[in-house]
Amino acid sequence: MKRRNARQLVRLLSDMRHAADCRALRAAATQRAIELAAEEAAEAEQDERDTSRDNPRGKTTWRTS
């Protein structure tokens, strides 16, 4: 292994910590994006169900006009 001075070791450790922080932040952001997408899909599905119950055959009635 190559000998390094203290400044190089501190810099290397700092870079490693920064990289770990970046990975953690990316993972958290990805997880949040997945959760939001799932919530939006559930809302869209619920809206679709509500619409189909209100107007089942596409006919205009006194309730939907």
Protein backbone atom coordinates (compact mmCIF):
# COMPACT_ATOMS: atom_id res chain seq x y z
CA MET A 1 0.00 0.00 0.00
CA LYS A 2 1.24 3.43 -0.85
CA ARG A 3 2.19 5.69 2.05
CA ARG A 4 0.12 8.82 2.30
CA ASN A 5 0.49 11.90 4.39
CA ALA A 6 -2.17 12.99 6.90
CA ARG A 7 -3.69 15.59 4.59
CA GLN A 8 -4.26 13.01 1.87
CA LEU A 9 -5.87 10.61 4.33
CA VAL A 10 -8.20 13.31 5.66
CA ARG A 11 -9.17 14.23 2.12
CA LEU A 12 -9.78 10.59 1.20
CA LEU A 13 -11.94 10.06 4.30
CA SER A 14 -13.91 13.23 3.55
CA ASP A 15 -14.52 12.07 -0.03
CA MET A 16 -15.70 8.67 1.19
CA ARG A 17 -18.12 10.24 3.68
CA HIS A 18 -19.45 12.62 1.05
CA ALA A 19 -20.01 9.76 -1.37
CA ALA A 20 -21.88 7.80 1.30
CA ASP A 21 -24.06 10.84 2.08
CA CYS A 22 -24.83 11.30 -1.61
CA ARG A 23 -25.83 7.64 -1.95
CA ALA A 24 -28.08 7.92 1.10
CA LEU A 25 -29.74 11.08 -0.21
CA ARG A 26 -30.28 9.54 -3.64
CA ALA A 27 -31.78 6.43 -2.08
CA ALA A 28 -34.12 8.52 0.08
CA ALA A 29 -35.19 10.62 -2.90
CA THR A 30 -35.82 7.52 -4.98
CA GLN A 31 -37.88 5.93 -2.22
CA ARG A 32 -39.95 9.10 -1.85
CA ALA A 33 -40.54 9.26 -5.61
CA ILE A 34 -41.77 5.66 -5.57
CA GLU A 35 -44.13 6.42 -2.67
CA LEU A 36 -45.52 9.49 -4.46
CA ALA A 37 -46.04 7.53 -7.67
CA ALA A 38 -47.93 4.85 -5.76
CA GLU A 39 -50.13 7.48 -4.09
CA GLU A 40 -50.87 9.15 -7.43
CA ALA A 41 -51.75 5.79 -9.00
CA ALA A 42 -54.12 5.01 -6.13
CA GLU A 43 -55.76 8.44 -6.47
CA ALA A 44 -56.14 8.02 -10.23
CA GLU A 45 -57.68 4.60 -9.74
CA GLN A 46 -60.07 5.97 -7.13
CA ASP A 47 -61.06 8.85 -9.43
CA GLU A 48 -61.65 6.38 -12.24
CA ARG A 49 -63.92 4.29 -10.02
CA ASP A 50 -65.85 7.36 -8.88
CA THR A 51 -66.38 8.48 -12.47
CA SER A 52 -67.54 5.06 -13.62
CA ARG A 53 -70.09 4.87 -10.79
CA ASP A 54 -71.47 8.33 -11.53
CA ASN A 55 -72.00 7.76 -15.22
CA PRO A 56 -71.92 4.03 -15.99
CA ARG A 57 -73.06 4.06 -19.63
CA GLY A 58 -71.96 7.48 -20.77
CA LYS A 59 -75.54 8.77 -20.75
CA THR A 60 -76.37 12.22 -19.52
CA THR A 61 -78.86 12.08 -16.69
CA TRP A 62 -80.30 14.71 -14.43
CA ARG A 63 -77.52 13.85 -11.91
CA THR A 64 -74.61 14.29 -14.31
CA SER A 65 -75.88 17.05 -16.58
